[in-house]
Amino acid sequence: MSRKSSVLVGLLLSTALALVGGCSRSIAGSGRPAVGTTGAGASSPAAGSTSGRSELLAAVVVEVSVFTPMSRELQQFWSGVYTTLRYAHPSTAVMKYLHANQTSVCDGTTYTAQDDTGPFYCMDGSDIISVPTAFTVALVTGGAVKTDGDQVRSITPVGETGIFFLFAHEWGHNVQAELFPQHAGAAPPLELENSADCLAGVAMAGVDREFSTTDVSAVLAFVADIGDSEPGAVHGTPEQRREALAFGMKAPHGDPQGQLDTMMSCFQTYAPTLYATLS
């Protein structure tokens, strides 16, 4: 994506923020106000209310103008890597956007749209499910959100680059499922998460989107912010996530073979259980 297009994305994010200005609620257990999230016992704003219409409109603006193009870039990038790998099928994942009380079945579990739920990957349908309403607002303005569908985190505004990382991480899970269909579901969760961070870095280094040095630093800070510090956590520690993303971002731009080599190194380093199945 050109610098001009990146500026346009920034304007769209600003527009979405303006549409939801003044809407602030609390998330259960956060102990702090969270922009665009609902607390325990609260419900999403009614579709007919002014705040509800504003949040929905803001979500649709970002969904159509930001999320979908990002997903398209990631699909094109990984399909190109697959071509270099001589893998017979393109990389595909279906984006699903949930609003209000819409539901989606993921790996046998029915999920209901909640304003504090971020994007997460469903292996059984190759779906990347996102709840963009208040989650998007929290990404733009800061607030408490859920990442990967279960981890509640308070985050600082991350802008375009942080949003791209989130979707690149979920596409990393899609790559795992496509390349290791018989083994990804049984791999250790921590290996899947760390290698998805690494694969996100490969994609961010490879897509034709200009990330400035400041943006990259913001992404690394964001990764540290949402990392799990406790032993045995599903996601890596802040340091592990930062290291995995930085490892992937060393992939050479415009070099398909180099990108493929870095992808394989991601699996070898961060998902040895999957990598061992190749031998």
C-alpha atoms as a PDB file:
ATOM      1  CA  MET A   1       0.000   0.000   0.000  1.00  0.00           C
ATOM      2  CA  SER A   2       1.356   3.428  -0.883  1.00  0.00           C
ATOM      3  CA  ARG A   3       2.029   6.187   1.624  1.00  0.00           C
ATOM      4  CA  LYS A   4      -0.981   8.066   0.190  1.00  0.00           C
ATOM      5  CA  SER A   5      -3.189   5.048   0.887  1.00  0.00           C
ATOM      6  CA  SER A   6      -1.828   4.797   4.417  1.00  0.00           C
ATOM      7  CA  VAL A   7      -2.768   8.415   5.029  1.00  0.00           C
ATOM      8  CA  LEU A   8      -6.263   7.631   3.764  1.00  0.00           C
ATOM      9  CA  VAL A   9      -6.516   4.774   6.260  1.00  0.00           C
ATOM     10  CA  GLY A  10      -5.557   7.190   9.012  1.00  0.00           C
ATOM     11  CA  LEU A  11      -8.301   9.554   7.954  1.00  0.00           C
ATOM     12  CA  LEU A  12     -10.833   6.723   7.963  1.00  0.00           C
ATOM     13  CA  LEU A  13      -9.788   5.741  11.481  1.00  0.00           C
ATOM     14  CA  SER A  14     -10.141   9.365  12.551  1.00  0.00           C
ATOM     15  CA  THR A  15     -13.587   9.472  10.991  1.00  0.00           C
ATOM     16  CA  ALA A  16     -14.623   6.361  12.886  1.00  0.00           C
ATOM     17  CA  LEU A  17     -13.327   7.879  16.102  1.00  0.00           C
ATOM     18  CA  ALA A  18     -15.279  11.080  15.492  1.00  0.00           C
ATOM     19  CA  LEU A  19     -18.457   9.077  14.958  1.00  0.00           C
ATOM     20  CA  VAL A  20     -18.221   7.503  18.412  1.00  0.00           C
ATOM     21  CA  GLY A  21     -16.837  10.456  20.300  1.00  0.00           C
ATOM     22  CA  GLY A  22     -18.169  10.747  23.822  1.00  0.00           C
ATOM     23  CA  CYS A  23     -19.252   7.092  24.173  1.00  0.00           C
ATOM     24  CA  SER A  24     -17.486   5.625  27.198  1.00  0.00           C
ATOM     25  CA  ARG A  25     -18.491   2.688  29.339  1.00  0.00           C
ATOM     26  CA  SER A  26     -16.774   0.282  31.745  1.00  0.00           C
ATOM     27  CA  ILE A  27     -15.763  -3.326  31.253  1.00  0.00           C
ATOM     28  CA  ALA A  28     -16.343  -5.776  34.076  1.00  0.00           C
ATOM     29  CA  GLY A  29     -13.334  -6.066  36.345  1.00  0.00           C
ATOM     30  CA  SER A  30     -11.268  -3.422  34.583  1.00  0.00           C
ATOM     31  CA  GLY A  31     -11.743  -0.756  37.235  1.00  0.00           C
ATOM     32  CA  ARG A  32     -11.298   1.952  34.595  1.00  0.00           C
ATOM     33  CA  PRO A  33     -13.399   3.494  31.879  1.00  0.00           C
ATOM     34  CA  ALA A  34     -13.105   1.712  28.553  1.00  0.00           C
ATOM     35  CA  VAL A  35     -14.120   3.400  25.350  1.00  0.00           C
ATOM     36  CA  GLY A  36     -16.707   1.408  23.457  1.00  0.00           C
ATOM     37  CA  THR A  37     -16.950  -1.596  25.772  1.00  0.00           C
ATOM     38  CA  THR A  38     -19.777  -2.904  27.915  1.00  0.00           C
ATOM     39  CA  GLY A  39     -19.610  -4.025  31.509  1.00  0.00           C
ATOM     40  CA  ALA A  40     -21.180  -6.973  33.281  1.00  0.00           C
ATOM     41  CA  GLY A  41     -24.934  -6.934  32.999  1.00  0.00           C
ATOM     42  CA  ALA A  42     -24.851  -4.189  30.389  1.00  0.00           C
ATOM     43  CA  SER A  43     -26.020  -4.638  26.855  1.00  0.00           C
ATOM     44  CA  SER A  44     -24.784  -3.259  23.582  1.00  0.00           C
ATOM     45  CA  PRO A  45     -26.384   0.070  22.659  1.00  0.00           C
ATOM     46  CA  ALA A  46     -29.743  -0.334  21.015  1.00  0.00           C
ATOM     47  CA  ALA A  47     -29.605  -0.240  17.267  1.00  0.00           C
ATOM     48  CA  GLY A  48     -32.072   2.637  17.251  1.00  0.00           C
ATOM     49  CA  SER A  49     -30.177   4.798  19.755  1.00  0.00           C
ATOM     50  CA  THR A  50     -27.909   7.605  18.655  1.00  0.00           C
ATOM     51  CA  SER A  51     -24.820   6.031  20.244  1.00  0.00           C
ATOM     52  CA  GLY A  52     -25.737   2.618  18.816  1.00  0.00           C
ATOM     53  CA  ARG A  53     -26.106   3.942  15.291  1.00  0.00           C
ATOM     54  CA  SER A  54     -22.872   5.906  15.587  1.00  0.00           C
ATOM     55  CA  GLU A  55     -20.877   2.905  16.789  1.00  0.00           C
ATOM     56  CA  LEU A  56     -22.343   0.651  14.118  1.00  0.00           C
ATOM     57  CA  LEU A  57     -21.605   3.205  11.397  1.00  0.00           C
ATOM     58  CA  ALA A  58     -18.059   3.632  12.692  1.00  0.00           C
ATOM     59  CA  ALA A  59     -17.600  -0.138  12.665  1.00  0.00           C
ATOM     60  CA  VAL A  60     -18.853  -0.490   9.106  1.00  0.00           C
ATOM     61  CA  VAL A  61     -16.562   2.327   7.927  1.00  0.00           C
ATOM     62  CA  VAL A  62     -13.492   0.582   9.346  1.00  0.00           C
ATOM     63  CA  GLU A  63     -14.711  -2.895   8.398  1.00  0.00           C
ATOM     64  CA  VAL A  64     -15.159  -2.045   4.723  1.00  0.00           C
ATOM     65  CA  SER A  65     -12.357   0.465   4.285  1.00  0.00           C
ATOM     66  CA  VAL A  66      -9.644  -0.913   6.587  1.00  0.00           C
ATOM     67  CA  PHE A  67     -10.186  -4.502   7.738  1.00  0.00           C
ATOM     68  CA  THR A  68     -11.261  -6.012   4.417  1.00  0.00           C
ATOM     69  CA  PRO A  69      -8.390  -4.471   2.396  1.00  0.00           C
ATOM     70  CA  MET A  70      -5.922  -5.643   5.033  1.00  0.00           C
ATOM     71  CA  SER A  71      -7.301  -9.165   4.813  1.00  0.00           C
ATOM     72  CA  ARG A  72      -7.038  -9.041   1.018  1.00  0.00           C
ATOM     73  CA  GLU A  73      -3.381  -7.996   1.229  1.00  0.00           C
ATOM     74  CA  LEU A  74      -2.625 -10.856   3.611  1.00  0.00           C
ATOM     75  CA  GLN A  75      -4.373 -13.376   1.370  1.00  0.00           C
ATOM     76  CA  GLN A  76      -2.404 -12.200  -1.658  1.00  0.00           C
ATOM     77  CA  PHE A  77       0.870 -12.276   0.244  1.00  0.00           C
ATOM     78  CA  TRP A  78       0.489 -15.789   1.620  1.00  0.00           C
ATOM     79  CA  SER A  79      -0.807 -17.113  -1.692  1.00  0.00           C
ATOM     80  CA  GLY A  80       2.410 -15.805  -3.235  1.00  0.00           C
ATOM     81  CA  VAL A  81       4.492 -17.586  -0.601  1.00  0.00           C
ATOM     82  CA  TYR A  82       2.533 -20.774  -1.296  1.00  0.00           C
ATOM     83  CA  THR A  83       3.353 -20.440  -4.987  1.00  0.00           C
ATOM     84  CA  THR A  84       7.046 -20.317  -4.124  1.00  0.00           C
ATOM     85  CA  LEU A  85       6.517 -23.355  -1.904  1.00  0.00           C
ATOM     86  CA  ARG A  86       4.765 -25.039  -4.843  1.00  0.00           C
ATOM     87  CA  TYR A  87       1.773 -25.600  -2.623  1.00  0.00           C
ATOM     88  CA  ALA A  88      -1.218 -26.441  -4.804  1.00  0.00           C
ATOM     89  CA  HIS A  89      -3.811 -24.221  -3.134  1.00  0.00           C
ATOM     90  CA  PRO A  90      -3.992 -20.465  -2.487  1.00  0.00           C
ATOM     91  CA  SER A  91      -4.278 -19.184   1.052  1.00  0.00           C
ATOM     92  CA  THR A  92      -7.895 -18.457   1.918  1.00  0.00           C
ATOM     93  CA  ALA A  93      -9.744 -17.404   5.038  1.00  0.00           C
ATOM     94  CA  VAL A  94     -13.271 -16.066   5.369  1.00  0.00           C
ATOM     95  CA  MET A  95     -13.654 -12.806   7.272  1.00  0.00           C
ATOM     96  CA  LYS A  96     -16.763 -12.738   9.454  1.00  0.00           C
ATOM     97  CA  TYR A  97     -17.884  -9.540  11.148  1.00  0.00           C
ATOM     98  CA  LEU A  98     -20.290  -9.850  14.057  1.00  0.00           C
ATOM     99  CA  HIS A  99     -22.424  -6.976  15.275  1.00  0.00           C
ATOM    100  CA  ALA A 100     -24.952  -6.605  18.095  1.00  0.00           C
ATOM    101  CA  ASN A 101     -26.176 -10.089  19.109  1.00  0.00           C
ATOM    102  CA  GLN A 102     -25.074 -11.974  15.997  1.00  0.00           C
ATOM    103  CA  THR A 103     -23.516 -15.393  16.590  1.00  0.00           C
ATOM    104  CA  SER A 104     -21.054 -17.686  14.877  1.00  0.00           C
ATOM    105  CA  VAL A 105     -20.071 -21.294  15.560  1.00  0.00           C
ATOM    106  CA  CYS A 106     -16.328 -21.787  16.005  1.00  0.00           C
ATOM    107  CA  ASP A 107     -14.810 -25.216  16.614  1.00  0.00           C
ATOM    108  CA  GLY A 108     -18.106 -26.451  18.029  1.00  0.00           C
ATOM    109  CA  THR A 109     -18.670 -23.440  20.295  1.00  0.00           C
ATOM    110  CA  THR A 110     -21.251 -20.737  19.586  1.00  0.00           C
ATOM    111  CA  TYR A 111     -19.871 -17.237  20.064  1.00  0.00           C
ATOM    112  CA  THR A 112     -22.087 -14.205  20.529  1.00  0.00           C
ATOM    113  CA  ALA A 113     -20.855 -10.796  19.482  1.00  0.00           C
ATOM    114  CA  GLN A 114     -19.596  -8.794  22.439  1.00  0.00           C
ATOM    115  CA  ASP A 115     -18.092  -5.349  22.233  1.00  0.00           C
ATOM    116  CA  ASP A 116     -14.929  -6.421  24.061  1.00  0.00           C
ATOM    117  CA  THR A 117     -14.011  -9.296  21.741  1.00  0.00           C
ATOM    118  CA  GLY A 118     -11.177  -8.943  19.261  1.00  0.00           C
ATOM    119  CA  PRO A 119     -10.450 -11.062  16.184  1.00  0.00           C
ATOM    120  CA  PHE A 120      -9.878 -14.794  16.589  1.00  0.00           C
ATOM    121  CA  TYR A 121      -9.362 -17.731  14.236  1.00  0.00           C
ATOM    122  CA  CYS A 122     -11.656 -20.731  13.805  1.00  0.00           C
ATOM    123  CA  MET A 123      -9.772 -23.702  12.441  1.00  0.00           C
ATOM    124  CA  ASP A 124     -12.818 -25.794  11.524  1.00  0.00           C
ATOM    125  CA  GLY A 125     -14.122 -23.273   9.014  1.00  0.00           C
ATOM    126  CA  SER A 126     -10.962 -21.316   8.176  1.00  0.00           C
ATOM    127  CA  ASP A 127     -12.772 -18.243   9.489  1.00  0.00           C
ATOM    128  CA  ILE A 128     -11.316 -15.131  11.018  1.00  0.00           C
ATOM    129  CA  ILE A 129     -14.080 -13.733  13.186  1.00  0.00           C
ATOM    130  CA  SER A 130     -14.022 -10.105  14.233  1.00  0.00           C
ATOM    131  CA  VAL A 131     -16.323  -7.962  16.311  1.00  0.00           C
ATOM    132  CA  PRO A 132     -15.366  -4.549  14.992  1.00  0.00           C
ATOM    133  CA  THR A 133     -17.757  -2.197  16.759  1.00  0.00           C
ATOM    134  CA  ALA A 134     -16.313  -1.188  20.123  1.00  0.00           C
ATOM    135  CA  PHE A 135     -13.187  -3.292  19.626  1.00  0.00           C
ATOM    136  CA  THR A 136     -12.197  -1.032  16.744  1.00  0.00           C
ATOM    137  CA  VAL A 137     -12.881   2.051  18.814  1.00  0.00           C
ATOM    138  CA  ALA A 138     -10.663   0.678  21.585  1.00  0.00           C
ATOM    139  CA  LEU A 139      -7.850   0.088  19.106  1.00  0.00           C
ATOM    140  CA  VAL A 140      -8.097   3.660  17.875  1.00  0.00           C
ATOM    141  CA  THR A 141      -8.595   5.387  21.222  1.00  0.00           C
ATOM    142  CA  GLY A 142      -7.324   2.934  23.831  1.00  0.00           C
ATOM    143  CA  GLY A 143      -9.422   0.863  26.209  1.00  0.00           C
ATOM    144  CA  ALA A 144     -10.058  -2.635  27.504  1.00  0.00           C
ATOM    145  CA  VAL A 145     -10.616  -5.343  24.918  1.00  0.00           C
ATOM    146  CA  LYS A 146     -10.334  -9.098  24.542  1.00  0.00           C
ATOM    147  CA  THR A 147      -7.596 -10.416  22.272  1.00  0.00           C
ATOM    148  CA  ASP A 148      -7.857 -13.787  20.543  1.00  0.00           C
ATOM    149  CA  GLY A 149     -11.335 -14.106  22.011  1.00  0.00           C
ATOM    150  CA  ASP A 150     -10.389 -14.717  25.641  1.00  0.00           C
ATOM    151  CA  GLN A 151      -7.622 -12.499  26.981  1.00  0.00           C
ATOM    152  CA  VAL A 152      -8.835  -9.207  28.511  1.00  0.00           C
ATOM    153  CA  ARG A 153      -6.257  -6.484  28.088  1.00  0.00           C
ATOM    154  CA  SER A 154      -6.155  -2.730  28.456  1.00  0.00           C
ATOM    155  CA  ILE A 155      -4.361  -1.343  25.443  1.00  0.00           C
ATOM    156  CA  THR A 156      -3.095   1.975  24.253  1.00  0.00           C
ATOM    157  CA  PRO A 157      -4.105   3.306  20.833  1.00  0.00           C
ATOM    158  CA  VAL A 158      -2.302   1.256  18.184  1.00  0.00           C
ATOM    159  CA  GLY A 159      -3.499   2.760  14.917  1.00  0.00           C
ATOM    160  CA  GLU A 160      -3.183   1.160  11.514  1.00  0.00           C
ATOM    161  CA  THR A 161      -0.043  -0.864  12.206  1.00  0.00           C
ATOM    162  CA  GLY A 162      -1.342  -2.443  15.385  1.00  0.00           C
ATOM    163  CA  ILE A 163      -4.608  -3.362  13.682  1.00  0.00           C
ATOM    164  CA  PHE A 164      -2.699  -4.903  10.790  1.00  0.00           C
ATOM    165  CA  PHE A 165      -0.643  -6.962  13.235  1.00  0.00           C
ATOM    166  CA  LEU A 166      -3.783  -8.392  14.837  1.00  0.00           C
ATOM    167  CA  PHE A 167      -5.111  -9.622  11.511  1.00  0.00           C
ATOM    168  CA  ALA A 168      -1.664 -10.789  10.394  1.00  0.00           C
ATOM    169  CA  HIS A 169      -1.478 -12.863  13.590  1.00  0.00           C
ATOM    170  CA  GLU A 170      -4.841 -14.518  12.846  1.00  0.00           C
ATOM    171  CA  TRP A 171      -3.742 -15.178   9.254  1.00  0.00           C
ATOM    172  CA  GLY A 172      -0.700 -16.846  10.793  1.00  0.00           C
ATOM    173  CA  HIS A 173      -3.057 -19.331  12.433  1.00  0.00           C
ATOM    174  CA  ASN A 174      -4.688 -19.852   9.047  1.00  0.00           C
ATOM    175  CA  VAL A 175      -1.294 -20.632   7.507  1.00  0.00           C
ATOM    176  CA  GLN A 176      -0.650 -23.182  10.261  1.00  0.00           C
ATOM    177  CA  ALA A 177      -3.973 -24.896   9.549  1.00  0.00           C
ATOM    178  CA  GLU A 178      -3.451 -24.901   5.783  1.00  0.00           C
ATOM    179  CA  LEU A 179       0.112 -26.207   5.773  1.00  0.00           C
ATOM    180  CA  PHE A 180      -0.330 -28.664   8.656  1.00  0.00           C
ATOM    181  CA  PRO A 181      -3.987 -29.748   8.394  1.00  0.00           C
ATOM    182  CA  GLN A 182      -3.403 -33.036  10.216  1.00  0.00           C
ATOM    183  CA  HIS A 183      -1.268 -31.633  13.026  1.00  0.00           C
ATOM    184  CA  ALA A 184      -2.068 -27.966  13.781  1.00  0.00           C
ATOM    185  CA  GLY A 185      -5.066 -28.812  15.947  1.00  0.00           C
ATOM    186  CA  ALA A 186      -2.964 -30.949  18.274  1.00  0.00           C
ATOM    187  CA  ALA A 187       0.103 -28.711  18.512  1.00  0.00           C
ATOM    188  CA  PRO A 188       0.950 -27.071  21.853  1.00  0.00           C
ATOM    189  CA  PRO A 189      -1.000 -23.777  22.116  1.00  0.00           C
ATOM    190  CA  LEU A 190       2.067 -21.747  23.067  1.00  0.00           C
ATOM    191  CA  GLU A 191       3.875 -22.960  19.937  1.00  0.00           C
ATOM    192  CA  LEU A 192       0.896 -21.976  17.796  1.00  0.00           C
ATOM    193  CA  GLU A 193       0.724 -18.505  19.322  1.00  0.00           C
ATOM    194  CA  ASN A 194       4.429 -17.718  19.172  1.00  0.00           C
ATOM    195  CA  SER A 195       4.750 -18.959  15.599  1.00  0.00           C
ATOM    196  CA  ALA A 196       1.651 -16.951  14.613  1.00  0.00           C
ATOM    197  CA  ASP A 197       3.414 -13.839  15.933  1.00  0.00           C
ATOM    198  CA  CYS A 198       6.460 -14.773  13.866  1.00  0.00           C
ATOM    199  CA  LEU A 199       4.359 -15.357  10.756  1.00  0.00           C
ATOM    200  CA  ALA A 200       2.672 -12.000  11.329  1.00  0.00           C
ATOM    201  CA  GLY A 201       6.110 -10.433  11.165  1.00  0.00           C
ATOM    202  CA  VAL A 202       6.871 -12.218   7.878  1.00  0.00           C
ATOM    203  CA  ALA A 203       3.662 -10.827   6.396  1.00  0.00           C
ATOM    204  CA  MET A 204       4.265  -7.310   7.682  1.00  0.00           C
ATOM    205  CA  ALA A 205       7.732  -7.354   6.128  1.00  0.00           C
ATOM    206  CA  GLY A 206       6.412  -8.709   2.851  1.00  0.00           C
ATOM    207  CA  VAL A 207       3.206  -6.844   2.004  1.00  0.00           C
ATOM    208  CA  ASP A 208       3.337  -3.738  -0.144  1.00  0.00           C
ATOM    209  CA  ARG A 209       2.302  -1.481   2.723  1.00  0.00           C
ATOM    210  CA  GLU A 210       4.644   1.172   4.064  1.00  0.00           C
ATOM    211  CA  PHE A 211       5.191   0.960   7.819  1.00  0.00           C
ATOM    212  CA  SER A 212       7.342   3.752   9.219  1.00  0.00           C
ATOM    213  CA  THR A 213       9.912   3.111  11.929  1.00  0.00           C
ATOM    214  CA  THR A 214       7.585   4.746  14.434  1.00  0.00           C
ATOM    215  CA  ASP A 215       4.768   2.424  13.436  1.00  0.00           C
ATOM    216  CA  VAL A 216       6.945  -0.657  13.833  1.00  0.00           C
ATOM    217  CA  SER A 217       8.025   0.486  17.288  1.00  0.00           C
ATOM    218  CA  ALA A 218       4.376   0.955  18.201  1.00  0.00           C
ATOM    219  CA  VAL A 219       3.596  -2.590  17.109  1.00  0.00           C
ATOM    220  CA  LEU A 220       6.409  -4.007  19.221  1.00  0.00           C
ATOM    221  CA  ALA A 221       5.168  -2.024  22.219  1.00  0.00           C
ATOM    222  CA  PHE A 222       1.659  -3.273  21.529  1.00  0.00           C
ATOM    223  CA  VAL A 223       2.846  -6.884  21.422  1.00  0.00           C
ATOM    224  CA  ALA A 224       4.509  -6.423  24.800  1.00  0.00           C
ATOM    225  CA  ASP A 225       1.301  -4.885  26.141  1.00  0.00           C
ATOM    226  CA  ILE A 226      -0.893  -7.882  25.313  1.00  0.00           C
ATOM    227  CA  GLY A 227       1.595 -10.629  26.188  1.00  0.00           C
ATOM    228  CA  ASP A 228       0.901 -13.095  28.995  1.00  0.00           C
ATOM    229  CA  SER A 229       3.355 -12.962  31.890  1.00  0.00           C
ATOM    230  CA  GLU A 230       2.112 -15.903  33.933  1.00  0.00           C
ATOM    231  CA  PRO A 231       3.715 -19.365  33.465  1.00  0.00           C
ATOM    232  CA  GLY A 232       1.796 -21.762  31.252  1.00  0.00           C
ATOM    233  CA  ALA A 233      -0.177 -19.019  29.515  1.00  0.00           C
ATOM    234  CA  VAL A 234      -1.553 -19.638  26.042  1.00  0.00           C
ATOM    235  CA  HIS A 235       0.258 -16.645  24.566  1.00  0.00           C
ATOM    236  CA  GLY A 236       3.919 -15.977  25.001  1.00  0.00           C
ATOM    237  CA  THR A 237       5.365 -13.535  27.493  1.00  0.00           C
ATOM    238  CA  PRO A 238       5.773  -9.947  26.305  1.00  0.00           C
ATOM    239  CA  GLU A 239       9.424 -10.681  25.580  1.00  0.00           C
ATOM    240  CA  GLN A 240       8.611 -13.857  23.635  1.00  0.00           C
ATOM    241  CA  ARG A 241       6.006 -12.102  21.520  1.00  0.00           C
ATOM    242  CA  ARG A 242       8.334  -9.198  20.782  1.00  0.00           C
ATOM    243  CA  GLU A 243      11.132 -11.588  19.834  1.00  0.00           C
ATOM    244  CA  ALA A 244       8.896 -13.708  17.582  1.00  0.00           C
ATOM    245  CA  LEU A 245       7.484 -10.711  15.738  1.00  0.00           C
ATOM    246  CA  ALA A 246      10.929  -9.176  15.272  1.00  0.00           C
ATOM    247  CA  PHE A 247      12.252 -12.530  14.002  1.00  0.00           C
ATOM    248  CA  GLY A 248       9.552 -12.680  11.328  1.00  0.00           C
ATOM    249  CA  MET A 249      10.015  -9.072  10.310  1.00  0.00           C
ATOM    250  CA  LYS A 250      13.546  -9.904   9.206  1.00  0.00           C
ATOM    251  CA  ALA A 251      12.026 -11.535   6.111  1.00  0.00           C
ATOM    252  CA  PRO A 252      13.314  -9.732   2.999  1.00  0.00           C
ATOM    253  CA  HIS A 253      10.768  -7.630   1.159  1.00  0.00           C
ATOM    254  CA  GLY A 254      10.372  -8.538  -2.498  1.00  0.00           C
ATOM    255  CA  ASP A 255      12.259 -11.825  -2.115  1.00  0.00           C
ATOM    256  CA  PRO A 256       9.767 -14.739  -2.308  1.00  0.00           C
ATOM    257  CA  GLN A 257      12.379 -17.384  -1.537  1.00  0.00           C
ATOM    258  CA  GLY A 258      13.687 -15.398   1.402  1.00  0.00           C
ATOM    259  CA  GLN A 259      10.147 -14.980   2.710  1.00  0.00           C
ATOM    260  CA  LEU A 260       9.556 -18.722   2.368  1.00  0.00           C
ATOM    261  CA  ASP A 261      12.817 -19.468   4.184  1.00  0.00           C
ATOM    262  CA  THR A 262      11.855 -17.123   7.025  1.00  0.00           C
ATOM    263  CA  MET A 263       8.414 -18.738   7.245  1.00  0.00           C
ATOM    264  CA  MET A 264      10.017 -22.151   7.632  1.00  0.00           C
ATOM    265  CA  SER A 265      12.409 -20.743  10.230  1.00  0.00           C
ATOM    266  CA  CYS A 266       9.381 -19.465  12.154  1.00  0.00           C
ATOM    267  CA  PHE A 267       8.051 -23.002  12.359  1.00  0.00           C
ATOM    268  CA  GLN A 268      11.438 -24.498  13.169  1.00  0.00           C
ATOM    269  CA  THR A 269      12.108 -21.970  15.944  1.00  0.00           C
ATOM    270  CA  TYR A 270       8.681 -21.377  17.445  1.00  0.00           C
ATOM    271  CA  ALA A 271       6.620 -24.449  16.466  1.00  0.00           C
ATOM    272  CA  PRO A 272       9.092 -27.356  16.516  1.00  0.00           C
ATOM    273  CA  THR A 273       6.238 -29.850  16.971  1.00  0.00           C
ATOM    274  CA  LEU A 274       4.774 -28.863  13.606  1.00  0.00           C
ATOM    275  CA  TYR A 275       8.165 -28.551  11.956  1.00  0.00           C
ATOM    276  CA  ALA A 276       9.088 -32.096  13.017  1.00  0.00           C
ATOM    277  CA  THR A 277       6.170 -33.480  11.004  1.00  0.00           C
ATOM    278  CA  LEU A 278       7.876 -32.356   7.796  1.00  0.00           C
ATOM    279  CA  SER A 279      10.646 -34.944   8.149  1.00  0.00           C
END
